[in-house]
Amino acid sequence: MALYSEIVMDHFTNPRNVGVIENADGVGEVGNAKCGDIMKIYLKIENDIIVDVKFETFGCGSAIASSSMATEMIKGKSIADAMALTNKAVAEALQGLPAHKMHCSVLAEEAIKSALKNYYDKNGIPYDKTQFPDCENCAHCHN
C-alpha cells in the first residue's frame, strides 16, 4: 500500500486556492514548531458565506495537501460550516494520512479557525473563545 493516497498526491502536486487575498476579511496563521510547517489562510466573506479562500503553506506534502483540501471544503460554505470543519474530515477527504502526518490536518483546521477568529475580531462580532485554538499557549505549536 502506498504511503499517500492519490488524492493527497493530487492536492500536493496540483494544490487548489494557493495565494493571497488582498484586503482579506480574515487571516489566520498557525505553525508547528516540531516539524516547521506554517499555514496561512485568507478568507473573503460576504453575507456569512466564504466566497473566496486562499492559502500559503510552508511545509511538507501532507501540509500542502491538507491546506488545499481544507480550502476546497469551505469555499462557498457558511461560516458555521467552516467552523464545524474538523481535522478528521480533512484527513478523510484526503483518504487518510499517515499517523505521523495527522498534525498537518490539525494545522489546516486551526488555520481556518484562526482566520475566522480574526474576521470576528475585525468586525466586533462576539464569539465563544473556547471554539478557537489557543495557539499562544498550545502545546501543539510550542513543543
N, C-alpha and C. Protein backbone atom coordinates (compact mmCIF):
# COMPACT_ATOMS: atom_id res chain seq x y z
N MET A 1 0.84 -1.18 0.00
CA MET A 1 0.00 0.00 0.00
C MET A 1 0.89 1.25 0.00
N ALA A 2 0.50 2.22 -0.78
CA ALA A 2 1.25 3.47 -0.87
C ALA A 2 1.11 4.26 0.42
N LEU A 3 2.14 5.02 0.74
CA LEU A 3 2.13 5.84 1.94
C LEU A 3 1.07 6.94 1.84
N TYR A 4 0.88 7.49 0.64
CA TYR A 4 -0.08 8.56 0.42
C TYR A 4 -1.09 8.16 -0.64
N SER A 5 -2.34 8.59 -0.45
CA SER A 5 -3.39 8.31 -1.42
C SER A 5 -3.18 9.15 -2.69
N GLU A 6 -3.87 8.76 -3.74
CA GLU A 6 -3.82 9.54 -4.98
C GLU A 6 -4.35 10.95 -4.76
N ILE A 7 -5.32 11.07 -3.89
CA ILE A 7 -5.90 12.40 -3.62
C ILE A 7 -4.87 13.29 -2.92
N VAL A 8 -4.14 12.75 -1.95
CA VAL A 8 -3.08 13.52 -1.29
C VAL A 8 -2.06 13.97 -2.33
N MET A 9 -1.64 13.04 -3.17
CA MET A 9 -0.63 13.37 -4.18
C MET A 9 -1.15 14.43 -5.16
N ASP A 10 -2.43 14.33 -5.53
CA ASP A 10 -3.01 15.32 -6.44
C ASP A 10 -3.05 16.70 -5.81
N HIS A 11 -3.48 16.78 -4.55
CA HIS A 11 -3.54 18.09 -3.88
C HIS A 11 -2.15 18.64 -3.57
N PHE A 12 -1.16 17.76 -3.44
CA PHE A 12 0.21 18.22 -3.24
C PHE A 12 0.81 18.74 -4.55
N THR A 13 0.63 18.00 -5.63
CA THR A 13 1.25 18.40 -6.90
C THR A 13 0.43 19.44 -7.65
N ASN A 14 -0.88 19.52 -7.37
CA ASN A 14 -1.77 20.49 -8.02
C ASN A 14 -2.64 21.17 -6.97
N PRO A 15 -2.02 21.89 -6.04
CA PRO A 15 -2.82 22.49 -4.96
C PRO A 15 -3.82 23.51 -5.48
N ARG A 16 -4.98 23.51 -4.85
CA ARG A 16 -6.05 24.46 -5.19
C ARG A 16 -5.98 25.65 -4.24
N ASN A 17 -6.39 26.80 -4.74
CA ASN A 17 -6.56 28.00 -3.92
C ASN A 17 -5.27 28.53 -3.28
N VAL A 18 -4.16 28.37 -3.97
CA VAL A 18 -2.89 28.90 -3.47
C VAL A 18 -2.84 30.39 -3.74
N GLY A 19 -2.33 31.15 -2.77
CA GLY A 19 -2.14 32.58 -2.99
C GLY A 19 -2.59 33.41 -1.82
N VAL A 20 -2.74 34.69 -2.10
CA VAL A 20 -3.07 35.69 -1.09
C VAL A 20 -4.34 36.41 -1.55
N ILE A 21 -5.19 36.75 -0.62
CA ILE A 21 -6.33 37.63 -0.90
C ILE A 21 -5.99 38.98 -0.30
N GLU A 22 -5.80 39.96 -1.16
CA GLU A 22 -5.54 41.32 -0.68
C GLU A 22 -6.79 41.82 0.04
N ASN A 23 -6.60 42.52 1.13
CA ASN A 23 -7.71 43.04 1.94
C ASN A 23 -8.67 41.93 2.36
N ALA A 24 -8.11 40.80 2.76
CA ALA A 24 -8.92 39.68 3.22
C ALA A 24 -9.75 40.08 4.43
N ASP A 25 -10.91 39.46 4.53
CA ASP A 25 -11.78 39.73 5.68
C ASP A 25 -11.28 39.04 6.94
N GLY A 26 -10.56 37.94 6.75
CA GLY A 26 -9.98 37.21 7.87
C GLY A 26 -8.70 36.54 7.44
N VAL A 27 -7.67 36.60 8.29
CA VAL A 27 -6.38 35.97 8.01
C VAL A 27 -5.97 35.20 9.25
N GLY A 28 -5.57 33.96 9.06
CA GLY A 28 -5.11 33.15 10.18
C GLY A 28 -3.81 32.46 9.83
N GLU A 29 -2.89 32.45 10.78
CA GLU A 29 -1.61 31.78 10.58
C GLU A 29 -1.30 30.91 11.79
N VAL A 30 -0.95 29.67 11.53
CA VAL A 30 -0.57 28.74 12.59
C VAL A 30 0.67 27.98 12.15
N GLY A 31 1.35 27.42 13.13
CA GLY A 31 2.55 26.66 12.81
C GLY A 31 2.81 25.57 13.82
N ASN A 32 3.68 24.67 13.45
CA ASN A 32 4.09 23.59 14.33
C ASN A 32 5.60 23.65 14.47
N ALA A 33 6.07 24.01 15.65
CA ALA A 33 7.50 24.18 15.88
C ALA A 33 8.28 22.89 15.70
N LYS A 34 7.64 21.74 15.96
CA LYS A 34 8.33 20.45 15.83
C LYS A 34 8.75 20.17 14.40
N CYS A 35 7.84 20.37 13.45
CA CYS A 35 8.13 19.99 12.06
C CYS A 35 8.42 21.19 11.17
N GLY A 36 8.11 22.39 11.64
CA GLY A 36 8.38 23.58 10.85
C GLY A 36 7.28 23.98 9.88
N ASP A 37 6.16 23.24 9.86
CA ASP A 37 5.06 23.59 8.96
C ASP A 37 4.40 24.90 9.41
N ILE A 38 4.11 25.77 8.44
CA ILE A 38 3.41 27.03 8.71
C ILE A 38 2.31 27.17 7.67
N MET A 39 1.09 27.45 8.13
CA MET A 39 -0.06 27.65 7.23
C MET A 39 -0.66 29.02 7.48
N LYS A 40 -0.99 29.67 6.37
CA LYS A 40 -1.67 30.96 6.44
C LYS A 40 -2.90 30.87 5.54
N ILE A 41 -4.06 31.20 6.09
CA ILE A 41 -5.33 31.13 5.38
C ILE A 41 -5.91 32.54 5.27
N TYR A 42 -6.41 32.86 4.09
CA TYR A 42 -7.05 34.15 3.80
C TYR A 42 -8.51 33.89 3.43
N LEU A 43 -9.43 34.65 4.02
CA LEU A 43 -10.85 34.48 3.75
C LEU A 43 -11.47 35.76 3.21
N LYS A 44 -12.35 35.62 2.22
CA LYS A 44 -13.22 36.69 1.74
C LYS A 44 -14.63 36.23 2.07
N ILE A 45 -15.33 37.02 2.89
CA ILE A 45 -16.64 36.63 3.40
C ILE A 45 -17.68 37.67 3.01
N GLU A 46 -18.80 37.19 2.47
CA GLU A 46 -19.93 38.06 2.13
C GLU A 46 -21.20 37.39 2.65
N ASN A 47 -21.96 38.12 3.44
CA ASN A 47 -23.22 37.60 4.00
C ASN A 47 -23.04 36.25 4.67
N ASP A 48 -22.00 36.13 5.47
CA ASP A 48 -21.68 34.91 6.23
C ASP A 48 -21.31 33.71 5.35
N ILE A 49 -20.99 33.96 4.09
CA ILE A 49 -20.55 32.89 3.18
C ILE A 49 -19.10 33.15 2.79
N ILE A 50 -18.29 32.10 2.80
CA ILE A 50 -16.89 32.21 2.38
C ILE A 50 -16.88 32.16 0.86
N VAL A 51 -16.78 33.33 0.25
CA VAL A 51 -16.85 33.43 -1.21
C VAL A 51 -15.49 33.16 -1.87
N ASP A 52 -14.42 33.35 -1.11
CA ASP A 52 -13.09 33.02 -1.62
C ASP A 52 -12.20 32.65 -0.45
N VAL A 53 -11.25 31.79 -0.72
CA VAL A 53 -10.29 31.36 0.29
C VAL A 53 -8.99 31.02 -0.42
N LYS A 54 -7.90 31.46 0.16
CA LYS A 54 -6.56 31.18 -0.39
C LYS A 54 -5.66 30.74 0.75
N PHE A 55 -4.57 30.09 0.40
CA PHE A 55 -3.62 29.69 1.43
C PHE A 55 -2.19 29.81 0.94
N GLU A 56 -1.31 29.97 1.92
CA GLU A 56 0.14 29.87 1.71
C GLU A 56 0.62 28.89 2.78
N THR A 57 1.31 27.86 2.35
CA THR A 57 1.81 26.87 3.29
C THR A 57 3.28 26.61 3.03
N PHE A 58 4.05 26.68 4.08
CA PHE A 58 5.45 26.28 4.04
C PHE A 58 5.51 24.98 4.82
N GLY A 59 5.77 23.89 4.12
CA GLY A 59 5.80 22.62 4.82
C GLY A 59 5.86 21.45 3.87
N CYS A 60 5.61 20.29 4.43
CA CYS A 60 5.71 19.04 3.69
C CYS A 60 4.50 18.85 2.76
N GLY A 61 4.55 17.79 1.99
CA GLY A 61 3.47 17.48 1.05
C GLY A 61 2.14 17.30 1.74
N SER A 62 2.13 16.68 2.93
CA SER A 62 0.88 16.48 3.67
C SER A 62 0.30 17.81 4.13
N ALA A 63 1.15 18.75 4.50
CA ALA A 63 0.68 20.07 4.92
C ALA A 63 0.06 20.82 3.75
N ILE A 64 0.70 20.76 2.60
CA ILE A 64 0.18 21.42 1.41
C ILE A 64 -1.14 20.78 0.99
N ALA A 65 -1.18 19.45 0.95
CA ALA A 65 -2.40 18.74 0.57
C ALA A 65 -3.54 19.04 1.55
N SER A 66 -3.24 19.09 2.85
CA SER A 66 -4.26 19.39 3.85
C SER A 66 -4.80 20.80 3.68
N SER A 67 -3.92 21.76 3.42
CA SER A 67 -4.35 23.14 3.18
C SER A 67 -5.25 23.22 1.96
N SER A 68 -4.82 22.59 0.89
CA SER A 68 -5.57 22.62 -0.36
C SER A 68 -6.96 22.00 -0.18
N MET A 69 -7.01 20.83 0.43
CA MET A 69 -8.29 20.15 0.63
C MET A 69 -9.19 20.96 1.55
N ALA A 70 -8.65 21.48 2.64
CA ALA A 70 -9.46 22.25 3.58
C ALA A 70 -10.08 23.47 2.91
N THR A 71 -9.31 24.15 2.06
CA THR A 71 -9.86 25.33 1.38
C THR A 71 -10.99 24.92 0.43
N GLU A 72 -10.82 23.80 -0.23
CA GLU A 72 -11.87 23.30 -1.12
C GLU A 72 -13.14 22.97 -0.34
N MET A 73 -12.96 22.47 0.87
CA MET A 73 -14.10 22.04 1.68
C MET A 73 -14.90 23.20 2.26
N ILE A 74 -14.29 24.40 2.39
CA ILE A 74 -15.03 25.53 2.97
C ILE A 74 -15.44 26.58 1.95
N LYS A 75 -14.87 26.55 0.77
CA LYS A 75 -15.19 27.55 -0.25
C LYS A 75 -16.67 27.44 -0.63
N GLY A 76 -17.37 28.59 -0.55
CA GLY A 76 -18.79 28.61 -0.87
C GLY A 76 -19.69 28.20 0.28
N LYS A 77 -19.08 27.87 1.41
CA LYS A 77 -19.84 27.41 2.58
C LYS A 77 -20.05 28.56 3.56
N SER A 78 -20.95 28.33 4.50
CA SER A 78 -21.22 29.32 5.53
C SER A 78 -20.09 29.32 6.56
N ILE A 79 -20.02 30.40 7.33
CA ILE A 79 -19.06 30.48 8.42
C ILE A 79 -19.29 29.33 9.39
N ALA A 80 -20.55 29.02 9.67
CA ALA A 80 -20.86 27.93 10.60
C ALA A 80 -20.32 26.60 10.08
N ASP A 81 -20.45 26.36 8.77
CA ASP A 81 -19.91 25.12 8.19
C ASP A 81 -18.39 25.09 8.31
N ALA A 82 -17.75 26.22 8.07
CA ALA A 82 -16.29 26.29 8.18
C ALA A 82 -15.85 26.05 9.62
N MET A 83 -16.59 26.60 10.58
CA MET A 83 -16.26 26.39 11.99
C MET A 83 -16.40 24.92 12.37
N ALA A 84 -17.29 24.21 11.71
CA ALA A 84 -17.53 22.80 12.03
C ALA A 84 -16.52 21.86 11.38
N LEU A 85 -15.70 22.37 10.47
CA LEU A 85 -14.72 21.52 9.79
C LEU A 85 -13.71 20.99 10.80
N THR A 86 -13.48 19.69 10.76
CA THR A 86 -12.52 19.07 11.68
C THR A 86 -11.32 18.53 10.91
N ASN A 87 -10.24 18.35 11.64
CA ASN A 87 -9.06 17.76 11.02
C ASN A 87 -9.38 16.34 10.53
N LYS A 88 -10.25 15.64 11.25
CA LYS A 88 -10.63 14.28 10.84
C LYS A 88 -11.33 14.31 9.48
N ALA A 89 -12.21 15.30 9.27
CA ALA A 89 -12.91 15.42 7.99
C ALA A 89 -11.92 15.71 6.85
N VAL A 90 -10.92 16.55 7.13
CA VAL A 90 -9.89 16.85 6.12
C VAL A 90 -9.11 15.59 5.78
N ALA A 91 -8.69 14.87 6.80
CA ALA A 91 -7.92 13.63 6.58
C ALA A 91 -8.76 12.59 5.82
N GLU A 92 -10.03 12.48 6.17
CA GLU A 92 -10.91 11.53 5.47
C GLU A 92 -11.09 11.92 4.01
N ALA A 93 -11.24 13.22 3.74
CA ALA A 93 -11.40 13.69 2.37
C ALA A 93 -10.14 13.40 1.53
N LEU A 94 -9.00 13.37 2.22
CA LEU A 94 -7.74 13.04 1.54
C LEU A 94 -7.53 11.53 1.47
N GLN A 95 -8.50 10.76 1.91
CA GLN A 95 -8.41 9.29 2.00
C GLN A 95 -7.27 8.85 2.90
N GLY A 96 -7.09 9.59 3.97
CA GLY A 96 -6.14 9.23 5.00
C GLY A 96 -4.79 9.89 4.88
N LEU A 97 -4.16 10.02 6.03
CA LEU A 97 -2.78 10.49 6.14
C LEU A 97 -2.05 9.53 7.08
N PRO A 98 -0.76 9.34 6.87
CA PRO A 98 -0.01 8.52 7.83
C PRO A 98 -0.13 9.13 9.22
N ALA A 99 -0.10 8.29 10.24
CA ALA A 99 -0.28 8.75 11.63
C ALA A 99 0.67 9.89 11.97
N HIS A 100 1.90 9.81 11.52
CA HIS A 100 2.88 10.85 11.87
C HIS A 100 2.68 12.14 11.06
N LYS A 101 1.67 12.16 10.17
CA LYS A 101 1.36 13.37 9.40
C LYS A 101 -0.03 13.94 9.72
N MET A 102 -0.73 13.33 10.68
CA MET A 102 -2.07 13.83 11.03
C MET A 102 -2.03 15.26 11.56
N HIS A 103 -0.90 15.66 12.13
CA HIS A 103 -0.80 17.04 12.63
C HIS A 103 -1.02 18.06 11.51
N CYS A 104 -0.78 17.66 10.27
CA CYS A 104 -0.99 18.58 9.14
C CYS A 104 -2.47 18.91 8.97
N SER A 105 -3.33 17.91 9.15
CA SER A 105 -4.77 18.18 9.06
C SER A 105 -5.23 19.02 10.25
N VAL A 106 -4.58 18.84 11.41
CA VAL A 106 -4.89 19.65 12.58
C VAL A 106 -4.53 21.11 12.29
N LEU A 107 -3.38 21.33 11.68
CA LEU A 107 -2.98 22.71 11.33
C LEU A 107 -3.99 23.36 10.39
N ALA A 108 -4.49 22.60 9.43
CA ALA A 108 -5.48 23.15 8.48
C ALA A 108 -6.74 23.60 9.21
N GLU A 109 -7.23 22.77 10.11
CA GLU A 109 -8.41 23.14 10.90
C GLU A 109 -8.11 24.39 11.73
N GLU A 110 -6.96 24.41 12.39
CA GLU A 110 -6.60 25.54 13.25
C GLU A 110 -6.40 26.83 12.45
N ALA A 111 -5.83 26.73 11.26
CA ALA A 111 -5.61 27.93 10.43
C ALA A 111 -6.94 28.55 10.01
N ILE A 112 -7.89 27.71 9.65
CA ILE A 112 -9.22 28.21 9.26
C ILE A 112 -9.89 28.88 10.46
N LYS A 113 -9.83 28.24 11.60
CA LYS A 113 -10.45 28.83 12.79
C LYS A 113 -9.74 30.12 13.20
N SER A 114 -8.45 30.17 13.03
CA SER A 114 -7.69 31.39 13.34
C SER A 114 -8.13 32.53 12.41
N ALA A 115 -8.35 32.22 11.13
CA ALA A 115 -8.81 33.24 10.17
C ALA A 115 -10.22 33.70 10.52
N LEU A 116 -11.07 32.78 10.94
CA LEU A 116 -12.43 33.16 11.33
C LEU A 116 -12.42 34.01 12.60
N LYS A 117 -11.57 33.67 13.55
CA LYS A 117 -11.43 34.48 14.76
C LYS A 117 -10.98 35.89 14.40
N ASN A 118 -10.03 35.99 13.47
CA ASN A 118 -9.56 37.30 13.01
C ASN A 118 -10.71 38.09 12.38
N TYR A 119 -11.54 37.42 11.60
CA TYR A 119 -12.72 38.05 10.99
C TYR A 119 -13.66 38.57 12.08
N TYR A 120 -13.95 37.74 13.08
CA TYR A 120 -14.83 38.17 14.18
C TYR A 120 -14.23 39.36 14.91
N ASP A 121 -12.94 39.29 15.21
CA ASP A 121 -12.28 40.38 15.94
C ASP A 121 -12.32 41.68 15.14
N LYS A 122 -12.01 41.62 13.85
CA LYS A 122 -12.01 42.82 13.00
C LYS A 122 -13.38 43.49 12.94
N ASN A 123 -14.42 42.66 13.00
CA ASN A 123 -15.78 43.16 12.83
C ASN A 123 -16.56 43.30 14.13
N GLY A 124 -15.88 43.10 15.25
CA GLY A 124 -16.54 43.24 16.55
C GLY A 124 -17.67 42.26 16.76
N ILE A 125 -17.57 41.08 16.16
CA ILE A 125 -18.61 40.06 16.29
C ILE A 125 -18.28 39.19 17.52
N PRO A 126 -19.21 39.10 18.47
CA PRO A 126 -18.93 38.28 19.66
C PRO A 126 -18.87 36.80 19.30
N TYR A 127 -18.04 36.05 20.04
CA TYR A 127 -17.90 34.62 19.79
C TYR A 127 -17.47 33.91 21.06
N ASP A 128 -17.62 32.62 21.04
CA ASP A 128 -17.22 31.75 22.15
C ASP A 128 -15.74 31.43 21.98
N LYS A 129 -14.91 31.98 22.85
CA LYS A 129 -13.46 31.80 22.73
C LYS A 129 -13.02 30.34 22.81
N THR A 130 -13.83 29.50 23.42
CA THR A 130 -13.46 28.08 23.54
C THR A 130 -13.55 27.34 22.20
N GLN A 131 -14.16 27.95 21.20
CA GLN A 131 -14.27 27.32 19.88
C GLN A 131 -12.99 27.47 19.06
N PHE A 132 -12.04 28.24 19.56
CA PHE A 132 -10.85 28.55 18.79
C PHE A 132 -9.60 28.02 19.47
N PRO A 133 -8.60 27.64 18.67
CA PRO A 133 -7.35 27.18 19.28
C PRO A 133 -6.66 28.32 20.01
N ASP A 134 -6.04 28.00 21.11
CA ASP A 134 -5.27 28.97 21.89
C ASP A 134 -3.81 28.78 21.49
N CYS A 135 -3.45 29.25 20.30
CA CYS A 135 -2.13 28.98 19.73
C CYS A 135 -0.99 29.58 20.57
N GLU A 136 -1.27 30.63 21.30
CA GLU A 136 -0.21 31.24 22.10
C GLU A 136 0.21 30.34 23.26
N ASN A 137 -0.71 29.48 23.70
CA ASN A 137 -0.41 28.60 24.83
C ASN A 137 -0.54 27.12 24.47
N CYS A 138 -0.58 26.82 23.19
CA CYS A 138 -0.84 25.47 22.71
C CYS A 138 0.42 24.61 22.71
N ALA A 139 0.34 23.45 23.34
CA ALA A 139 1.50 22.53 23.35
C ALA A 139 1.81 22.06 21.94
N HIS A 140 0.80 21.94 21.10
CA HIS A 140 0.98 21.50 19.70
C HIS A 140 1.90 22.46 18.94
N CYS A 141 1.75 23.74 19.20
CA CYS A 141 2.53 24.75 18.47
C CYS A 141 3.89 25.01 19.09
N HIS A 142 4.05 24.70 20.36
CA HIS A 142 5.28 25.12 21.05
C HIS A 142 6.11 23.98 21.63
N ASN A 143 5.92 22.78 21.14
CA ASN A 143 6.76 21.65 21.60
C ASN A 143 8.01 21.54 20.75
